């Protein structure tokens, strides 16, 4: 099964990326995902279910630990190939 995750971390800071946003980016970029798109207001990543779910777990734990007060995410099944 393949999954796509879309997420944002808050609070926002338009002047400088906050620590929790940088941590989230590091987690997603370090995971063995097939596609990653990191932007200022939203991020997406795709991959096999186990990899995406492990990345989401790390993302939640590390972003909250780095000061995120809210994390919005959506996970969608995009294929059954893995």
N, C-alpha and C. Protein backbone atom coordinates (compact mmCIF):
# COMPACT_ATOMS: atom_id res chain seq x y z
N UNK A 1 0.85 -1.18 0.00
CA UNK A 1 0.00 0.00 0.00
C UNK A 1 0.89 1.24 0.00
N UNK A 2 0.50 2.22 -0.79
CA UNK A 2 1.19 3.51 -0.83
C UNK A 2 0.33 4.58 -0.16
N UNK A 3 1.02 5.47 0.54
CA UNK A 3 0.32 6.54 1.25
C UNK A 3 0.90 7.89 0.86
N UNK A 4 0.07 8.90 0.99
CA UNK A 4 0.50 10.29 0.85
C UNK A 4 0.12 11.01 2.14
N UNK A 5 1.06 11.74 2.70
CA UNK A 5 0.79 12.54 3.89
C UNK A 5 0.98 14.00 3.54
N UNK A 6 0.06 14.82 4.01
CA UNK A 6 0.15 16.27 3.90
C UNK A 6 0.13 16.81 5.32
N UNK A 7 1.03 17.76 5.62
CA UNK A 7 1.08 18.27 7.00
C UNK A 7 1.56 19.71 7.06
N UNK A 8 1.17 20.36 8.15
CA UNK A 8 1.69 21.67 8.52
C UNK A 8 1.93 21.67 10.02
N UNK A 9 2.91 22.46 10.44
CA UNK A 9 3.16 22.64 11.86
C UNK A 9 2.94 24.10 12.20
N UNK A 10 2.52 24.34 13.40
CA UNK A 10 2.25 25.71 13.86
C UNK A 10 2.87 25.91 15.23
N UNK A 11 3.14 27.12 15.64
CA UNK A 11 2.73 28.39 15.06
C UNK A 11 3.60 28.77 13.86
N UNK A 12 2.99 29.55 12.96
CA UNK A 12 3.68 30.06 11.79
C UNK A 12 4.56 31.24 12.17
N UNK A 13 5.61 31.42 11.43
CA UNK A 13 6.45 32.61 11.53
C UNK A 13 6.86 32.95 10.11
N UNK A 14 6.33 34.05 9.58
CA UNK A 14 6.60 34.42 8.19
C UNK A 14 8.00 34.99 8.00
N UNK A 15 8.66 35.38 9.07
CA UNK A 15 10.00 35.96 8.98
C UNK A 15 11.09 34.90 8.92
N UNK A 16 10.94 33.86 9.73
CA UNK A 16 11.98 32.84 9.86
C UNK A 16 11.32 31.51 10.20
N UNK A 17 11.81 30.45 9.59
CA UNK A 17 11.24 29.12 9.88
C UNK A 17 11.50 28.76 11.33
N UNK A 18 10.44 28.43 12.09
CA UNK A 18 10.61 28.06 13.49
C UNK A 18 11.28 26.69 13.62
N UNK A 19 11.81 26.42 14.79
CA UNK A 19 12.53 25.16 15.04
C UNK A 19 11.68 23.94 14.72
N UNK A 20 10.40 23.97 15.09
CA UNK A 20 9.55 22.80 14.85
C UNK A 20 9.36 22.54 13.36
N UNK A 21 9.34 23.59 12.54
CA UNK A 21 9.21 23.42 11.09
C UNK A 21 10.50 22.84 10.51
N UNK A 22 11.64 23.29 11.01
CA UNK A 22 12.92 22.75 10.54
C UNK A 22 13.07 21.28 10.91
N UNK A 23 12.65 20.93 12.12
CA UNK A 23 12.71 19.54 12.55
C UNK A 23 11.80 18.67 11.68
N UNK A 24 10.60 19.15 11.39
CA UNK A 24 9.68 18.40 10.54
C UNK A 24 10.30 18.16 9.17
N UNK A 25 10.91 19.19 8.62
CA UNK A 25 11.56 19.07 7.31
C UNK A 25 12.68 18.03 7.36
N UNK A 26 13.50 18.08 8.41
CA UNK A 26 14.60 17.12 8.55
C UNK A 26 14.09 15.69 8.62
N UNK A 27 13.04 15.47 9.38
CA UNK A 27 12.47 14.13 9.52
C UNK A 27 11.99 13.61 8.18
N UNK A 28 11.25 14.42 7.46
CA UNK A 28 10.68 13.99 6.18
C UNK A 28 11.78 13.78 5.14
N UNK A 29 12.75 14.68 5.10
CA UNK A 29 13.82 14.54 4.11
C UNK A 29 14.74 13.36 4.41
N UNK A 30 14.86 12.96 5.68
CA UNK A 30 15.71 11.84 6.06
C UNK A 30 15.03 10.48 5.84
N UNK A 31 13.71 10.48 5.77
CA UNK A 31 12.98 9.22 5.59
C UNK A 31 13.16 8.73 4.15
N UNK A 32 13.03 7.44 3.97
CA UNK A 32 13.21 6.82 2.65
C UNK A 32 11.90 6.89 1.87
N UNK A 33 11.47 8.13 1.58
CA UNK A 33 10.21 8.36 0.88
C UNK A 33 10.45 8.54 -0.61
N UNK A 34 9.42 8.27 -1.41
CA UNK A 34 9.54 8.36 -2.86
C UNK A 34 9.43 9.78 -3.38
N UNK A 35 8.61 10.59 -2.75
CA UNK A 35 8.38 11.96 -3.21
C UNK A 35 8.18 12.85 -1.99
N UNK A 36 8.89 13.97 -1.97
CA UNK A 36 8.78 14.93 -0.87
C UNK A 36 8.69 16.32 -1.48
N UNK A 37 7.71 17.10 -1.00
CA UNK A 37 7.57 18.49 -1.41
C UNK A 37 7.39 19.31 -0.16
N UNK A 38 8.40 20.12 0.16
CA UNK A 38 8.37 20.95 1.37
C UNK A 38 8.15 22.39 0.95
N UNK A 39 7.13 23.02 1.53
CA UNK A 39 6.83 24.40 1.20
C UNK A 39 6.60 25.22 2.45
N UNK A 40 6.42 26.53 2.29
CA UNK A 40 6.27 27.40 3.46
C UNK A 40 4.96 27.21 4.23
N UNK A 41 3.91 26.72 3.55
CA UNK A 41 2.61 26.59 4.23
C UNK A 41 2.06 25.17 4.22
N UNK A 42 2.76 24.25 3.59
CA UNK A 42 2.29 22.88 3.56
C UNK A 42 3.35 21.98 2.97
N UNK A 43 3.31 20.74 3.36
CA UNK A 43 4.31 19.77 2.96
C UNK A 43 3.62 18.47 2.59
N UNK A 44 4.18 17.76 1.63
CA UNK A 44 3.64 16.46 1.25
C UNK A 44 4.78 15.47 1.09
N UNK A 45 4.45 14.21 1.30
CA UNK A 45 5.40 13.12 1.09
C UNK A 45 4.62 11.87 0.72
N UNK A 46 5.24 11.03 -0.09
CA UNK A 46 4.62 9.78 -0.53
C UNK A 46 5.60 8.64 -0.37
N UNK A 47 5.04 7.46 -0.14
CA UNK A 47 5.88 6.28 -0.07
C UNK A 47 5.08 5.09 0.40
N UNK A 48 5.81 4.01 0.67
CA UNK A 48 5.17 2.81 1.20
C UNK A 48 4.58 3.09 2.57
N UNK A 49 3.55 2.35 2.91
CA UNK A 49 2.81 2.61 4.16
C UNK A 49 3.71 2.58 5.39
N UNK A 50 4.57 1.57 5.51
CA UNK A 50 5.41 1.48 6.70
C UNK A 50 6.35 2.67 6.84
N UNK A 51 6.91 3.11 5.72
CA UNK A 51 7.84 4.24 5.75
C UNK A 51 7.10 5.53 6.10
N UNK A 52 5.96 5.75 5.48
CA UNK A 52 5.18 6.97 5.75
C UNK A 52 4.73 6.99 7.20
N UNK A 53 4.22 5.88 7.70
CA UNK A 53 3.73 5.85 9.09
C UNK A 53 4.86 6.05 10.09
N UNK A 54 6.03 5.49 9.82
CA UNK A 54 7.18 5.71 10.70
C UNK A 54 7.60 7.18 10.66
N UNK A 55 7.58 7.78 9.47
CA UNK A 55 7.94 9.19 9.35
C UNK A 55 6.93 10.08 10.08
N UNK A 56 5.65 9.75 10.00
CA UNK A 56 4.62 10.52 10.70
C UNK A 56 4.82 10.44 12.21
N UNK A 57 5.13 9.25 12.71
CA UNK A 57 5.39 9.09 14.14
C UNK A 57 6.56 9.98 14.58
N UNK A 58 7.66 9.92 13.84
CA UNK A 58 8.82 10.74 14.17
C UNK A 58 8.51 12.23 14.03
N UNK A 59 7.79 12.57 12.99
CA UNK A 59 7.40 13.96 12.75
C UNK A 59 6.60 14.52 13.94
N UNK A 60 5.61 13.77 14.39
CA UNK A 60 4.79 14.23 15.51
C UNK A 60 5.62 14.39 16.78
N UNK A 61 6.37 13.37 17.11
CA UNK A 61 7.16 13.40 18.35
C UNK A 61 8.21 14.51 18.34
N UNK A 62 8.95 14.61 17.25
CA UNK A 62 10.05 15.58 17.21
C UNK A 62 9.57 17.01 17.04
N UNK A 63 8.52 17.22 16.26
CA UNK A 63 8.00 18.58 16.07
C UNK A 63 7.38 19.11 17.36
N UNK A 64 6.63 18.27 18.05
CA UNK A 64 6.07 18.69 19.34
C UNK A 64 7.19 18.98 20.34
N UNK A 65 8.22 18.15 20.33
CA UNK A 65 9.36 18.36 21.20
C UNK A 65 10.13 19.64 20.88
N UNK A 66 10.03 20.10 19.64
CA UNK A 66 10.72 21.32 19.22
C UNK A 66 9.85 22.57 19.31
N UNK A 67 8.65 22.43 19.90
CA UNK A 67 7.83 23.62 20.15
C UNK A 67 6.57 23.78 19.33
N UNK A 68 6.24 22.83 18.47
CA UNK A 68 4.99 22.94 17.73
C UNK A 68 3.82 22.91 18.71
N UNK A 69 2.84 23.76 18.48
CA UNK A 69 1.65 23.78 19.32
C UNK A 69 0.45 23.15 18.60
N UNK A 70 0.62 22.93 17.29
CA UNK A 70 -0.43 22.28 16.52
C UNK A 70 0.21 21.66 15.28
N UNK A 71 -0.20 20.45 14.97
CA UNK A 71 0.24 19.79 13.75
C UNK A 71 -1.01 19.27 13.06
N UNK A 72 -1.23 19.73 11.85
CA UNK A 72 -2.37 19.27 11.07
C UNK A 72 -1.83 18.31 10.02
N UNK A 73 -2.48 17.14 9.93
CA UNK A 73 -2.03 16.22 8.90
C UNK A 73 -3.18 15.42 8.34
N UNK A 74 -2.96 14.98 7.13
CA UNK A 74 -3.93 14.15 6.43
C UNK A 74 -3.15 13.03 5.76
N UNK A 75 -3.64 11.81 5.89
CA UNK A 75 -3.00 10.66 5.26
C UNK A 75 -4.01 10.04 4.31
N UNK A 76 -3.59 9.83 3.06
CA UNK A 76 -4.45 9.23 2.05
C UNK A 76 -3.80 8.00 1.46
N UNK A 77 -4.60 6.97 1.20
CA UNK A 77 -4.13 5.81 0.45
C UNK A 77 -4.14 6.21 -1.02
N UNK A 78 -2.99 6.05 -1.69
CA UNK A 78 -2.91 6.45 -3.10
C UNK A 78 -2.63 5.26 -4.02
N UNK A 79 -2.37 4.10 -3.45
CA UNK A 79 -2.13 2.94 -4.28
C UNK A 79 -1.93 1.69 -3.45
N UNK A 80 -2.08 0.57 -4.07
CA UNK A 80 -1.93 -0.71 -3.38
C UNK A 80 -0.66 -1.44 -3.79
N UNK A 81 0.27 -0.76 -4.47
CA UNK A 81 1.43 -1.41 -5.03
C UNK A 81 2.48 -1.89 -4.05
N UNK A 82 2.45 -1.49 -2.78
CA UNK A 82 3.46 -1.91 -1.81
C UNK A 82 2.83 -2.48 -0.58
